Protein backbone atom coordinates (compact mmCIF):
# COMPACT_ATOMS: atom_id res chain seq x y z
CA MET A 1 11.56 -29.45 -19.01
CA GLU A 2 15.16 -29.12 -19.33
CA SER A 3 16.78 -28.30 -15.65
CA ALA A 4 18.08 -25.00 -17.02
CA ASN A 5 14.86 -23.83 -17.94
CA GLN A 6 13.03 -24.76 -14.44
CA ASP A 7 12.13 -22.03 -11.90
CA ILE A 8 13.57 -22.30 -8.68
CA ASN A 9 11.65 -19.39 -7.27
CA LEU A 10 9.99 -20.84 -4.04
CA ASN A 11 7.00 -18.09 -4.73
CA SER A 12 6.27 -19.12 -7.99
CA PRO A 13 3.57 -21.57 -9.20
CA ASN A 14 6.42 -23.76 -10.89
CA LYS A 15 7.92 -24.52 -7.35
CA GLY A 16 8.69 -27.88 -7.28
CA LEU A 17 10.16 -28.55 -10.88
CA LEU A 18 13.35 -28.66 -10.13
CA ALA A 19 13.04 -31.79 -7.57
CA ASP A 20 11.73 -33.44 -11.06
CA ALA A 21 15.18 -33.25 -13.12
CA MET A 22 17.00 -34.12 -9.88
CA THR A 23 17.63 -38.25 -9.11
CA ASP A 24 18.54 -40.01 -6.52
CA VAL A 25 22.36 -40.70 -6.07
CA PRO A 26 22.53 -43.95 -4.37
CA VAL A 27 24.99 -44.36 -1.70
CA ASP A 28 27.22 -47.48 -1.19
CA ASN A 29 27.45 -49.56 2.20
CA ALA A 30 31.06 -48.68 2.19
CA ALA A 31 29.92 -44.81 1.76
CA ARG A 32 27.46 -44.71 4.72
CA GLY A 33 30.03 -46.16 7.04
CA ALA A 34 28.45 -48.64 10.12
CA ALA A 35 24.71 -48.62 10.85
CA PRO A 36 23.64 -45.60 13.29
CA GLU A 37 24.09 -47.15 17.05
CA GLY A 38 20.94 -49.20 18.45
CA LEU A 39 19.80 -49.83 14.50
CA THR A 40 20.58 -52.92 12.71
CA LEU A 41 21.43 -53.45 9.18
CA ALA A 42 17.98 -54.80 8.52
CA GLU A 43 16.07 -51.67 10.43
CA GLU A 44 18.73 -49.24 8.34
CA GLU A 45 17.34 -50.36 5.26
CA GLU A 46 14.31 -50.63 6.20
CA LEU A 47 14.17 -46.99 7.40
CA ARG A 48 15.88 -46.02 4.08
CA ALA A 49 13.33 -47.51 2.01
CA GLU A 50 10.92 -45.43 3.77
CA LEU A 51 12.57 -42.73 3.63
CA ALA A 52 13.21 -42.97 -0.08
CA LYS A 53 9.10 -43.53 -0.58
CA VAL A 54 8.48 -40.52 1.65
CA GLU A 55 10.70 -38.36 -0.64
CA GLU A 56 9.25 -39.74 -3.48
CA GLU A 57 5.53 -39.22 -2.09
CA ILE A 58 6.91 -35.35 -1.66
CA GLY A 59 8.36 -35.06 -5.46
CA THR A 60 4.65 -36.13 -6.09
CA LEU A 61 3.19 -33.33 -3.87
CA ARG A 62 5.38 -30.68 -5.02
CA GLN A 63 3.81 -31.69 -8.83
CA VAL A 64 0.12 -31.70 -8.08
CA LEU A 65 0.61 -28.44 -5.94
CA ALA A 66 2.38 -26.95 -8.68
CA ALA A 67 -0.26 -28.18 -11.26
CA LYS A 68 -2.99 -26.81 -9.22
CA GLU A 69 -1.85 -23.25 -8.74
CA ARG A 70 -1.49 -23.60 -12.83
CA HIS A 71 -4.70 -24.70 -12.59
CA CYS A 72 -5.92 -21.58 -10.33
CA GLY A 73 -3.72 -18.73 -11.62
CA GLU A 74 -5.54 -19.76 -15.17
CA LEU A 75 -8.73 -19.48 -13.23
CA LYS A 76 -8.31 -16.25 -11.68
CA ARG A 77 -7.30 -15.10 -15.40
CA LYS A 78 -10.27 -16.09 -16.80
CA LEU A 79 -12.04 -14.46 -13.93
CA GLY A 80 -10.60 -10.91 -14.33
CA LEU A 81 -8.44 -11.12 -10.84
CA THR A 82 -5.47 -9.51 -10.96
CA PRO A 83 -2.32 -10.01 -8.67
CA LEU A 84 -3.38 -6.35 -7.41
CA ASP A 85 -6.93 -7.57 -6.11
CA GLY A 86 -4.97 -10.50 -4.19
CA LEU A 87 -2.91 -7.79 -2.87
CA LYS A 88 -5.94 -5.34 -1.71
CA GLN A 89 -7.61 -8.50 -0.31
CA ASN A 90 -4.45 -9.72 1.31
CA LEU A 91 -4.04 -6.52 2.73
CA SER A 92 -7.54 -5.42 3.84
CA LYS A 93 -7.88 -9.21 5.65
CA SER A 94 -4.52 -8.10 7.56
CA TRP A 95 -5.74 -5.00 8.40
CA HIS A 96 -8.64 -6.83 10.09
CA ASP A 97 -6.73 -8.86 12.03
CA VAL A 98 -4.48 -5.96 13.53
CA GLN A 99 -7.69 -3.92 14.28
CA VAL A 100 -8.76 -7.83 16.29
CA SER A 101 -6.22 -8.23 18.21
CA ASN A 102 -5.12 -7.63 21.58
CA ALA A 103 -2.72 -5.43 20.85
CA TYR A 104 -4.14 -2.91 18.81
CA VAL A 105 -7.75 -3.09 21.23
CA LYS A 106 -5.63 -2.21 24.27
CA THR A 107 -3.69 0.22 22.89
CA SER A 108 -7.08 2.00 21.23
CA GLU A 109 -8.58 1.99 24.88
CA LYS A 110 -5.58 3.32 26.72
CA LEU A 111 -4.96 6.05 23.96
CA GLY A 112 -8.75 6.47 24.45
CA GLU A 113 -8.34 6.89 27.98
CA TRP A 114 -5.62 9.57 27.39
CA ASN A 115 -7.59 10.78 25.07
CA ASP A 116 -10.57 11.65 27.64
CA LYS A 117 -8.30 12.79 30.52
CA VAL A 118 -6.56 15.33 27.75
CA THR A 119 -9.35 16.94 26.70
CA GLN A 120 -11.24 16.50 30.19
CA SER A 121 -8.40 18.71 31.84
CA ASP A 122 -8.39 22.15 32.70
CA PHE A 123 -4.91 22.84 30.24
CA TYR A 124 -6.96 21.51 27.72
CA LYS A 125 -9.77 23.05 28.60
CA LYS A 126 -7.97 26.77 28.65
CA THR A 127 -5.80 26.49 26.05
CA GLN A 128 -8.78 25.75 23.32
CA GLU A 129 -10.99 28.45 24.40
CA THR A 130 -7.87 30.74 23.83
CA LEU A 131 -7.32 29.38 20.47
CA SER A 132 -10.76 29.30 19.88
CA GLN A 133 -10.61 33.25 20.81
CA ALA A 134 -7.58 33.82 18.59
CA GLY A 135 -9.22 32.31 15.92
CA GLN A 136 -12.35 34.53 16.39
CA LYS A 137 -10.13 37.81 16.78
CA THR A 138 -8.10 36.98 13.51
CA SER A 139 -11.10 36.66 11.62
CA ALA A 140 -12.83 40.29 12.59
CA ALA A 141 -9.20 41.86 11.52
CA LEU A 142 -9.20 39.96 7.97
CA SER A 143 -13.08 40.74 7.48
CA ASN A 144 -12.05 44.55 8.61
CA VAL A 145 -9.22 44.37 6.30
CA GLY A 146 -10.78 43.44 3.51
CA SER A 147 -13.47 45.96 4.26
CA VAL A 148 -11.24 48.58 3.90
CA ILE A 149 -9.19 47.21 1.01
CA SER A 150 -12.78 46.91 -0.79
CA ARG A 151 -13.51 50.63 -0.41
CA LYS A 152 -10.18 51.87 -1.14
CA LEU A 153 -10.65 50.35 -4.51
CA GLY A 154 -14.14 51.74 -4.81
CA ASP A 155 -12.15 54.86 -3.84
CA MET A 156 -9.77 54.71 -6.51
CA ARG A 157 -12.16 53.46 -9.27
CA ASN A 158 -13.64 56.56 -8.36
CA SER A 159 -10.67 59.04 -8.84
CA ALA A 160 -9.75 61.17 -11.61
CA THR A 161 -6.68 59.52 -12.33
CA PHE A 162 -8.32 56.13 -12.71
CA LYS A 163 -11.06 57.84 -14.66
CA SER A 164 -8.60 59.41 -17.24
CA PHE A 165 -6.86 55.86 -17.54
CA GLU A 166 -9.79 54.42 -18.84
CA ASP A 167 -11.07 56.76 -20.84
CA ARG A 168 -7.66 56.65 -22.49
CA VAL A 169 -7.93 52.59 -22.51
CA GLY A 170 -11.46 52.78 -24.40
CA THR A 171 -10.13 55.58 -26.83
CA ILE A 172 -7.01 52.60 -27.85
CA LYS A 173 -9.59 49.71 -27.95
CA THR A 174 -11.95 52.04 -30.40
CA SER A 175 -8.87 53.00 -32.34
CA ILE A 176 -7.89 49.16 -32.48
CA ARG A 177 -11.30 48.27 -33.91
CA ALA A 178 -11.88 50.60 -36.53
CA ASN A 179 -8.15 50.10 -37.70
CA GLY A 180 -9.14 46.19 -38.30
CA LEU A 181 -6.28 44.78 -35.49
CA SER A 182 -9.44 43.30 -33.66
CA ASP A 183 -9.70 40.00 -35.61
CA MET A 184 -5.56 38.84 -34.16
């Protein structure tokens, strides 16, 4: 794989592939300087060899992980699982984790206690009673208004002016039908 096309996104299934193109640059003894305090030259060489071996193992593990992540992605695609499904599952699990957390449980308990105290208080009961009465009175008033409007519309429909208007609309409708304009 060319280094220009390699993915360096740490969230990508291809992460770690950039390390394949990178090679260790040998450091000569002159550039290294003196051995760290308390280490002999042989111990330093042994540690450097072990370091190189561990770094090589890390590179191999990154390659294996990238291959496993690609395979996992292919399996999910074949099963029809979308990233949205994964997101939903992660959100559900996160929400569940929040709900069972000590902070959430204690907060819920405290809010429940406060709710009980508020709903049992005289002020709350008086306010609830007042709002209930206001709602009943408003409902009765609106019902009365509706009855009055209905009665007034009935009176208006029975008035001579409305009857005259109704007759004229009927006459216009009849003349339109007679002239064949109703096909429009």
